[in-house]
Protein backbone atom coordinates (compact mmCIF):
# COMPACT_ATOMS: atom_id res chain seq x y z
CA MET A 1 -103.18 112.43 -47.54
CA ARG A 2 -101.12 115.60 -47.10
CA LEU A 3 -103.07 118.09 -45.04
CA TRP A 4 -102.44 121.03 -47.36
CA LEU A 5 -104.33 119.14 -50.06
CA ILE A 6 -107.57 119.42 -48.04
CA PRO A 7 -108.18 123.19 -48.51
CA LEU A 8 -106.79 122.96 -52.07
CA THR A 9 -109.36 120.28 -52.90
CA TYR A 10 -112.18 122.39 -51.46
CA ALA A 11 -111.03 125.38 -53.52
CA LEU A 12 -110.82 123.43 -56.79
CA VAL A 13 -114.20 121.73 -56.29
CA SER A 14 -115.88 125.04 -55.44
CA MET A 15 -114.38 126.65 -58.52
CA VAL A 16 -115.64 123.86 -60.78
CA LEU A 17 -119.12 124.00 -59.23
CA GLY A 18 -119.12 127.79 -59.33
CA PHE A 19 -118.80 127.72 -63.11
CA ALA A 20 -120.80 124.53 -63.78
CA LEU A 21 -123.95 124.98 -61.66
CA PRO A 22 -125.00 128.34 -63.09
CA ARG A 23 -124.54 126.98 -66.63
CA ILE A 24 -126.67 123.93 -65.81
CA GLU A 25 -129.29 126.14 -64.20
CA ASP A 26 -129.31 128.46 -67.20
CA ALA A 27 -129.64 125.54 -69.64
CA TYR A 28 -132.22 123.37 -67.89
CA PHE A 29 -134.10 125.63 -65.48
CA ALA A 30 -135.90 128.49 -67.08
CA SER A 31 -137.09 130.05 -63.85
CA TYR A 32 -134.68 132.65 -62.57
CA VAL A 33 -135.49 134.62 -59.46
CA VAL A 34 -135.82 138.24 -60.41
CA VAL A 35 -134.36 140.17 -57.49
CA SER A 36 -132.48 143.39 -57.31
CA VAL A 37 -129.18 142.91 -59.09
CA SER A 38 -127.51 145.45 -56.85
CA SER A 39 -128.71 143.59 -53.73
CA ALA A 40 -127.43 140.28 -55.04
CA GLN A 41 -124.08 141.79 -55.93
CA ALA A 42 -123.79 143.44 -52.53
CA TYR A 43 -124.68 140.18 -50.78
CA LEU A 44 -122.18 138.09 -52.74
CA SER A 45 -119.45 140.71 -52.37
CA ALA A 46 -120.04 140.82 -48.61
CA VAL A 47 -119.83 137.03 -48.39
CA ALA A 48 -116.59 136.91 -50.37
CA SER A 49 -114.87 139.68 -48.41
CA GLY A 50 -116.23 138.41 -45.08
CA MET A 51 -114.94 134.90 -45.69
CA MET A 52 -111.49 136.30 -46.42
CA ALA A 53 -111.51 137.98 -43.02
CA LEU A 54 -112.83 134.84 -41.34
CA THR A 55 -110.04 132.81 -42.93
CA GLY A 56 -107.55 135.17 -41.30
CA ILE A 57 -109.26 134.60 -37.95
CA VAL A 58 -108.93 130.84 -38.43
CA PHE A 59 -105.20 131.21 -38.92
CA SER A 60 -105.07 133.36 -35.77
CA VAL A 61 -106.90 130.70 -33.75
CA ALA A 62 -104.53 128.05 -35.07
CA PHE A 63 -101.55 130.22 -34.13
CA VAL A 64 -102.90 130.65 -30.59
CA MET A 65 -103.37 126.89 -30.25
CA VAL A 66 -99.84 126.18 -31.43
CA GLN A 67 -98.20 128.83 -29.28
CA PHE A 68 -100.17 127.90 -26.17
CA SER A 69 -99.37 124.20 -26.47
CA ALA A 70 -95.68 124.92 -27.05
CA ILE A 71 -95.33 127.25 -24.07
CA ALA A 72 -97.64 125.60 -21.54
CA TYR A 73 -97.15 121.90 -22.24
CA SER A 74 -94.46 120.62 -24.58
CA PRO A 75 -93.05 121.68 -27.97
CA ARG A 76 -93.67 118.11 -29.16
CA LEU A 77 -97.42 118.77 -28.90
CA VAL A 78 -97.27 121.67 -31.37
CA LEU A 79 -97.61 119.53 -34.49
CA TYR A 80 -100.33 117.44 -32.87
CA PHE A 81 -102.58 120.50 -32.55
CA ALA A 82 -101.43 122.24 -35.74
CA ARG A 83 -102.07 119.14 -37.88
CA ASN A 84 -105.58 118.51 -36.67
CA PRO A 85 -107.62 117.62 -39.80
CA SER A 86 -110.68 119.55 -38.56
CA LEU A 87 -108.67 122.76 -38.76
CA PHE A 88 -107.84 122.15 -42.42
CA HIS A 89 -111.41 121.12 -43.27
CA SER A 90 -112.69 124.33 -41.70
CA LEU A 91 -110.16 126.32 -43.68
CA GLY A 92 -111.22 124.45 -46.83
CA VAL A 93 -114.91 125.30 -46.35
CA PHE A 94 -114.09 128.98 -45.77
CA VAL A 95 -111.99 129.12 -48.92
CA ALA A 96 -114.70 127.26 -50.87
CA THR A 97 -117.33 129.76 -49.76
CA PHE A 98 -115.12 132.66 -50.81
CA VAL A 99 -114.27 131.14 -54.22
CA TYR A 100 -117.83 130.03 -54.96
CA ALA A 101 -119.25 133.46 -54.06
CA LEU A 102 -116.85 135.10 -56.53
CA CYS A 103 -117.80 132.65 -59.29
CA GLU A 104 -121.49 133.21 -58.58
CA LEU A 105 -120.97 136.97 -58.71
CA ALA A 106 -119.91 136.65 -62.35
CA TRP A 107 -123.34 135.18 -63.24
CA VAL A 108 -125.43 137.92 -61.67
CA ASP A 109 -127.08 140.03 -64.39
CA ARG A 110 -125.17 138.02 -66.99
CA GLY A 111 -125.67 139.47 -70.45
CA GLY A 112 -127.81 142.25 -69.00
CA SER A 113 -130.63 139.81 -68.14
CA GLY A 114 -131.30 141.41 -64.74
CA LYS A 115 -131.67 137.95 -63.17
CA VAL A 116 -129.99 136.10 -60.32
CA PRO A 117 -129.67 132.27 -60.43
CA LEU A 118 -131.85 130.72 -57.73
CA TRP A 119 -130.15 127.45 -56.86
CA SER A 120 -126.63 128.81 -57.09
CA SER A 121 -127.59 131.58 -54.68
CA LEU A 122 -128.99 129.04 -52.24
CA VAL A 123 -125.68 127.13 -52.36
CA VAL A 124 -123.92 130.29 -51.20
CA VAL A 125 -126.37 130.58 -48.30
CA ALA A 126 -125.75 126.94 -47.35
CA LEU A 127 -121.98 127.41 -47.46
CA VAL A 128 -122.22 130.46 -45.21
CA ILE A 129 -124.29 128.50 -42.65
CA ILE A 130 -121.84 125.59 -42.74
CA SER A 131 -118.93 128.00 -42.33
CA MET A 132 -120.49 129.54 -39.24
CA LEU A 133 -121.07 126.12 -37.70
CA LEU A 134 -117.49 125.07 -38.37
CA PHE A 135 -116.17 128.32 -36.95
CA ALA A 136 -118.19 127.79 -33.77
CA ARG A 137 -116.84 124.24 -33.53
CA LEU A 138 -113.31 125.53 -34.04
CA ILE A 139 -113.67 128.02 -31.20
CA GLN A 140 -115.10 125.26 -29.03
CA ARG A 141 -111.95 123.24 -29.68
CA LEU A 142 -110.05 125.79 -27.64
CA ASN A 143 -111.44 123.92 -24.64
CA ASP A 144 -109.26 121.02 -25.74
CA LEU A 145 -106.26 123.08 -24.63
CA GLN A 146 -107.25 122.67 -20.98
CA ILE A 147 -104.72 120.51 -19.20
CA SER A 148 -107.20 117.76 -18.31
CA SER A 149 -108.27 117.46 -21.96
CA VAL A 150 -104.69 117.43 -23.22
CA LEU A 151 -103.67 114.72 -20.77
CA LYS A 152 -106.74 112.64 -21.59
CA THR A 153 -106.06 112.95 -25.32
CA ILE A 154 -102.48 111.74 -24.89
CA GLY A 155 -103.63 108.95 -22.59
CA ASP A 156 -106.26 107.83 -25.10
CA ARG A 157 -103.63 107.63 -27.84
CA GLY A 158 -101.40 105.63 -25.53
CA ARG A 159 -104.18 103.20 -24.64
CA ALA A 160 -104.96 102.71 -28.32
CA VAL A 161 -101.36 101.91 -29.26
CA ILE A 162 -101.04 99.48 -26.32
CA ARG A 163 -104.17 97.63 -27.47
CA GLY A 164 -102.87 97.46 -31.02
CA THR A 165 -99.29 96.46 -30.16
CA PHE A 166 -99.41 93.96 -27.30
CA LEU A 167 -101.35 90.81 -26.54
CA ARG A 168 -102.76 90.21 -23.09
CA LEU A 169 -100.71 87.80 -21.02
CA ASP A 170 -103.31 85.04 -21.31
CA GLU A 171 -103.46 85.46 -25.10
CA ALA A 172 -99.68 85.54 -25.31
CA SER A 173 -99.40 82.26 -23.40
CA ALA A 174 -101.57 80.50 -25.95
CA ALA A 175 -99.67 82.09 -28.83
CA GLY A 176 -96.36 81.19 -27.23
CA GLU A 177 -97.24 77.50 -27.30
CA THR A 178 -97.86 77.78 -31.04
CA HIS A 179 -94.59 79.57 -31.74
CA ALA A 180 -92.40 77.80 -29.23
CA PRO A 181 -90.07 76.29 -31.90
CA GLY A 182 -89.44 79.73 -33.37
CA ALA A 183 -88.43 81.16 -30.00
CA ILE A 184 -85.16 79.20 -30.20
CA ASP A 185 -84.31 80.84 -33.52
CA ALA A 186 -84.92 84.30 -32.07
CA ALA A 187 -81.60 84.31 -30.21
CA HIS A 188 -79.65 82.79 -33.14
CA PRO A 189 -81.21 83.79 -36.45
CA GLY A 190 -78.14 82.64 -38.36
CA PRO A 191 -75.37 84.50 -40.22
CA ALA A 192 -76.17 87.87 -41.77
CA THR A 193 -76.39 87.65 -45.56
CA GLN A 194 -77.58 91.19 -46.35
CA THR A 195 -77.42 94.58 -44.64
CA VAL A 196 -79.54 97.58 -45.60
CA THR A 197 -77.87 100.89 -44.66
CA TYR A 198 -79.68 104.19 -44.33
CA THR A 199 -78.49 107.19 -46.33
CA GLY A 200 -79.83 110.70 -45.95
CA GLU A 201 -80.63 113.29 -43.31
CA PRO A 202 -81.55 112.22 -39.75
CA ARG A 203 -84.99 110.65 -39.67
CA VAL A 204 -87.16 108.90 -37.08
CA ILE A 205 -88.50 105.37 -37.58
CA ALA A 206 -92.24 106.03 -37.41
CA GLU A 207 -93.76 102.65 -38.29
CA LEU A 208 -92.89 99.15 -39.49
CA ASP A 209 -94.98 97.39 -42.10
CA ILE A 210 -94.78 94.11 -40.21
CA PRO A 211 -96.96 92.03 -42.59
CA ARG A 212 -94.84 93.10 -45.58
CA LEU A 213 -91.55 92.38 -43.80
CA VAL A 214 -92.81 88.95 -42.74
CA ARG A 215 -93.94 88.22 -46.29
CA LEU A 216 -90.58 89.28 -47.76
CA ALA A 217 -88.69 87.15 -45.23
CA ARG A 218 -90.94 84.16 -45.84
CA ASP A 219 -90.53 84.35 -49.62
CA ALA A 220 -86.75 84.49 -49.20
CA LYS A 221 -86.75 81.83 -46.43
CA ALA A 222 -84.87 84.30 -44.22
CA VAL A 223 -85.14 86.20 -40.94
CA ILE A 224 -85.14 90.01 -40.93
CA VAL A 225 -83.66 91.70 -37.86
CA MET A 226 -84.30 95.41 -37.38
CA ALA A 227 -81.27 97.34 -36.14
CA SER A 228 -83.33 100.15 -34.59
CA ALA A 229 -86.67 100.39 -32.82
CA VAL A 230 -89.70 102.49 -33.67
CA GLY A 231 -89.03 105.96 -32.30
CA ASP A 232 -85.25 105.78 -32.82
CA THR A 233 -83.49 108.46 -34.84
CA ILE A 234 -81.25 107.04 -37.53
CA PHE A 235 -78.38 108.82 -39.23
CA ASP A 236 -76.51 108.56 -42.48
CA GLY A 237 -74.56 105.30 -42.56
CA ASN A 238 -76.52 103.57 -39.79
CA PRO A 239 -77.65 100.00 -40.50
CA LEU A 240 -81.41 99.90 -40.96
CA LEU A 241 -81.89 96.13 -40.91
CA THR A 242 -80.08 92.89 -41.60
CA VAL A 243 -81.25 89.75 -43.36
CA HIS A 244 -80.14 86.41 -41.94
CA GLY A 245 -80.08 83.27 -44.05
CA GLY A 246 -82.29 82.92 -47.09
CA ASP A 247 -81.99 81.80 -50.68
CA GLY A 248 -80.74 85.15 -51.93
CA PRO A 249 -80.84 88.93 -51.38
CA ILE A 250 -84.17 90.67 -50.96
CA ASP A 251 -84.94 93.69 -53.13
CA GLU A 252 -83.52 96.59 -51.13
CA PRO A 253 -86.00 99.33 -52.22
CA THR A 254 -88.86 97.02 -51.21
CA LEU A 255 -87.29 96.56 -47.79
CA ARG A 256 -86.89 100.32 -47.40
CA ARG A 257 -90.53 100.94 -48.28
CA ALA A 258 -91.57 98.62 -45.43
CA VAL A 259 -89.96 101.01 -42.92
CA ALA A 260 -91.81 104.33 -42.65
CA LEU A 261 -89.57 107.28 -41.75
CA SER A 262 -90.70 110.67 -40.47
CA GLY A 263 -89.28 113.95 -39.29
CA GLU A 264 -90.60 113.40 -35.76
CA ARG A 265 -91.89 110.62 -33.55
CA THR A 266 -95.48 109.49 -33.94
CA PHE A 267 -97.91 107.48 -31.84
CA GLU A 268 -98.16 104.55 -34.27
CA GLN A 269 -96.41 101.42 -32.91
CA ASP A 270 -94.59 103.52 -30.29
CA PRO A 271 -96.06 102.97 -26.81
CA LYS A 272 -93.17 104.94 -25.30
CA TYR A 273 -94.15 108.17 -27.04
CA PRO A 274 -97.35 108.98 -25.09
CA ILE A 275 -95.47 108.32 -21.84
CA ARG A 276 -92.69 110.60 -23.10
CA LEU A 277 -95.19 113.40 -23.72
CA LEU A 278 -96.83 112.95 -20.32
CA VAL A 279 -93.44 113.06 -18.60
CA ASP A 280 -92.54 116.20 -20.57
CA ILE A 281 -95.69 117.92 -19.33
CA ALA A 282 -95.01 116.81 -15.76
CA ILE A 283 -91.39 117.96 -15.57
CA LYS A 284 -92.25 121.25 -17.27
CA ALA A 285 -94.91 121.83 -14.63
CA LEU A 286 -92.29 121.11 -11.98
CA SER A 287 -89.82 123.68 -13.33
CA PRO A 288 -89.15 126.68 -11.05
CA ALA A 289 -90.63 129.02 -13.66
CA ILE A 290 -94.04 127.28 -13.52
CA ASN A 291 -94.04 125.45 -10.17
CA ASP A 292 -97.31 123.55 -10.72
CA PRO A 293 -97.01 120.14 -9.02
CA THR A 294 -100.77 119.50 -9.36
CA THR A 295 -100.37 119.30 -13.14
CA ALA A 296 -97.55 116.81 -12.60
CA VAL A 297 -99.87 114.73 -10.40
CA GLN A 298 -102.53 114.76 -13.13
CA ALA A 299 -99.91 113.57 -15.63
CA ILE A 300 -98.92 110.75 -13.27
CA ASP A 301 -102.58 109.67 -13.21
CA GLN A 302 -102.41 108.97 -16.94
CA ILE A 303 -98.95 107.43 -16.67
CA GLU A 304 -100.14 105.01 -13.99
CA ASP A 305 -103.07 103.91 -16.14
CA LEU A 306 -100.76 103.24 -19.11
CA LEU A 307 -98.32 101.29 -16.93
CA ARG A 308 -101.15 99.25 -15.44
CA ARG A 309 -102.23 98.26 -18.94
CA LEU A 310 -98.65 97.48 -19.95
CA GLY A 311 -98.28 95.37 -16.82
CA ARG A 312 -101.12 93.12 -18.03
CA ARG A 313 -99.58 92.71 -21.48
CA ASP A 314 -96.90 90.54 -22.99
CA LEU A 315 -94.11 93.04 -23.60
CA ASP A 316 -91.94 90.49 -25.42
CA ALA A 317 -93.64 91.44 -28.68
CA GLY A 318 -90.56 91.99 -30.84
CA TYR A 319 -91.03 88.79 -32.87
CA ALA A 320 -93.26 88.04 -35.84
CA TRP A 321 -93.92 84.60 -37.30
CA ASP A 322 -95.35 83.52 -40.62
CA ALA A 323 -98.41 81.31 -41.08
CA ASP A 324 -96.27 78.18 -40.60
CA GLY A 325 -95.05 79.32 -37.19
CA LYS A 326 -91.51 80.14 -38.35
CA LEU A 327 -89.78 83.25 -37.05
CA ARG A 328 -89.43 85.85 -39.80
CA LEU A 329 -88.94 89.23 -38.11
CA VAL A 330 -87.14 90.45 -34.99
CA TYR A 331 -87.47 94.10 -33.93
CA PRO A 332 -86.40 95.84 -30.67
CA MET A 333 -89.06 96.52 -28.06
CA PRO A 334 -88.71 98.16 -24.62
CA THR A 335 -88.74 96.04 -21.47
CA TRP A 336 -90.80 96.62 -18.34
CA GLU A 337 -87.83 98.36 -16.68
CA ASP A 338 -87.45 100.62 -19.72
CA TYR A 339 -91.02 101.81 -19.21
CA LEU A 340 -90.41 102.37 -15.49
CA THR A 341 -87.25 104.34 -16.24
CA LEU A 342 -89.04 106.50 -18.78
CA ALA A 343 -92.06 107.07 -16.55
CA PHE A 344 -90.44 107.81 -13.21
CA ASP A 345 -86.77 108.80 -13.31
CA GLU A 346 -87.13 112.39 -14.54
CA ILE A 347 -90.26 113.09 -12.52
CA ARG A 348 -88.51 111.80 -9.40
CA GLN A 349 -85.46 113.97 -10.13
CA PHE A 350 -87.36 117.18 -10.89
CA GLY A 351 -90.07 116.58 -8.28
CA GLY A 352 -87.77 115.60 -5.44
CA SER A 353 -88.56 118.82 -3.59
CA SER A 354 -92.36 118.38 -3.81
CA VAL A 355 -94.13 116.41 -1.09
CA GLN A 356 -97.19 116.22 -3.34
CA VAL A 357 -95.29 114.56 -6.20
CA MET A 358 -93.46 112.14 -3.90
CA ARG A 359 -96.73 110.97 -2.36
CA ARG A 360 -98.31 110.46 -5.79
CA LEU A 361 -95.28 108.58 -7.12
CA ARG A 362 -95.26 106.32 -4.09
CA SER A 363 -98.94 105.54 -4.53
CA THR A 364 -98.34 104.64 -8.18
CA LEU A 365 -95.42 102.33 -7.39
CA VAL A 366 -97.29 100.59 -4.57
CA GLU A 367 -100.24 99.97 -6.88
CA LEU A 368 -98.02 98.69 -9.73
CA GLY A 369 -96.21 96.31 -7.41
CA GLY A 370 -99.43 94.85 -6.03
CA ALA A 371 -100.64 91.29 -6.06
CA GLN A 372 -101.64 91.35 -9.74
CA ALA A 373 -98.07 92.02 -10.93
CA SER A 374 -95.82 89.14 -11.96
CA ALA A 375 -92.84 88.33 -9.75
CA ASP A 376 -90.13 89.87 -11.96
CA ARG A 377 -92.14 93.02 -12.64
CA ALA A 378 -93.04 93.38 -8.96
CA ASP A 379 -89.32 93.13 -8.07
CA ALA A 380 -88.49 95.93 -10.51
CA VAL A 381 -91.23 98.12 -9.02
CA ARG A 382 -89.97 97.43 -5.49
CA ARG A 383 -86.48 98.56 -6.52
CA TYR A 384 -87.95 101.80 -7.78
CA LEU A 385 -89.93 102.20 -4.57
CA ALA A 386 -86.75 101.72 -2.52
CA HIS A 387 -85.01 104.31 -4.70
CA LEU A 388 -87.87 106.74 -4.14
CA ASP A 389 -87.64 106.26 -0.37
CA LEU A 390 -83.90 106.91 -0.59
CA VAL A 391 -84.54 110.17 -2.44
CA ILE A 392 -87.04 111.22 0.23
CA GLU A 393 -84.55 110.34 2.99
CA ARG A 394 -81.83 112.47 1.37
CA SER A 395 -84.16 115.34 0.48
CA PRO A 396 -84.03 118.75 2.22
CA PHE A 397 -87.36 117.95 3.92
CA ASP A 398 -87.52 118.07 7.68
CA ALA A 399 -88.54 114.95 9.60
CA GLU A 400 -92.24 115.76 9.49
CA ASP A 401 -92.25 116.43 5.74
CA ARG A 402 -90.30 113.21 5.10
CA HIS A 403 -92.94 111.33 7.06
CA LYS A 404 -95.69 112.90 4.94
CA ALA A 405 -93.81 112.26 1.70
CA ARG A 406 -93.74 108.51 2.49
CA GLN A 407 -97.54 108.32 2.55
CA GLU A 408 -99.39 106.90 -0.47
CA ASP A 409 -101.82 109.47 -1.82
CA ARG A 410 -103.43 109.28 -5.27
CA GLN A 411 -104.30 112.97 -5.08
CA GLY A 412 -100.79 114.00 -4.06
CA LEU A 413 -102.13 116.00 -1.15
CA GLY A 414 -105.62 114.74 -0.50
CA LEU A 415 -106.41 111.39 1.06
CA THR A 416 -103.64 109.44 2.77
CA ARG A 417 -103.85 105.69 2.12
CA LYS A 418 -101.18 104.58 4.58
CA ARG A 419 -102.84 104.82 8.01
CA ALA A 420 -101.07 104.97 11.30
CA ASP A 421 -101.16 101.95 13.61
CA PRO A 422 -104.31 102.17 15.81
CA ALA A 423 -102.37 100.79 18.77
CA ALA A 424 -99.85 103.56 18.39
CA ARG A 425 -102.61 106.18 18.42
CA GLN A 426 -104.09 104.75 21.62
CA SER A 427 -100.76 104.85 23.38
């Protein structure tokens, strides 16, 4: 649902109720509360005008949230805060209160009766109370702009997409035995019989409808190979996907509808995106204008957790089989080294002059390359650790700072994990 439809729906519903409820009350409920007409009119006018002002305040709060997230964290977080559904529901309730109060005002002293509808007036009171509660909740959401809350929110989205995208290694082993025959076809899906080309302005692949693509490939007895991965930007003339083998061409519009395109990257099916956002926050904190390595360390905390979870998952997830165990879809997925490159290269480059960041990076790499990591993934982590030590060696640090930078410390500058040799201390 488009977010702008939320306040529009509230406005339309309130308008319908504003005209319908007083009519129903007039037709079926004879008891009208006889109060001062001038008081009722003043009350309803104050509610209507006050809600207009409150709506302006809501827009101001939203503007502050957007500007703060863009300046302090990353411009890619702007839409995440600006498109929060709770903001639009709050705006919808404020507009509904304003519209309903105006409609109710038309029924006060209608036909010179000197009466005010009871139940319709109580609805206005209820809407005002709800509006105040939502406004208080909206102000409370400003706490979500604290760096710890922002990082946790991004980390939570990353953990959710990892759970939904990858199997655990033990689950993948069992599934691999079932689909072993299809694994041979993955490298050689056969000659291409159909190519779907993208036309239009640059767009980002936001999500793949994997069940639909598998079903289309199965019905055509073919294999669909995606030319680009989720998160890639495609341009006019780029191949979107190719069909290999099959009894005949697959309906091209149906294939296009199975690939969701967007103006920007999203979290769905893109485990790289939350890491990208965390790295953006870290390197922005490390810029000379901000110079906040502690924020970078907090971002690395979330990055390490995501990499730990990825390390326990089967990352070779770019294949989809049908119910008969036959390969039907191949789509690009990042490797373990791709995740390491994304997570560490820029932070290492921009944080090379911070002892705190070097210590935290070293602690992360040592933990990732521990006994629980597989041999090939541990080798990749060790190469990154050697590269980090080389950066420290060539840094402008003096000998003492280089020694400190080589210590593992999860807090950056807090508790050193790598202890000195006791024998050396005694000597």
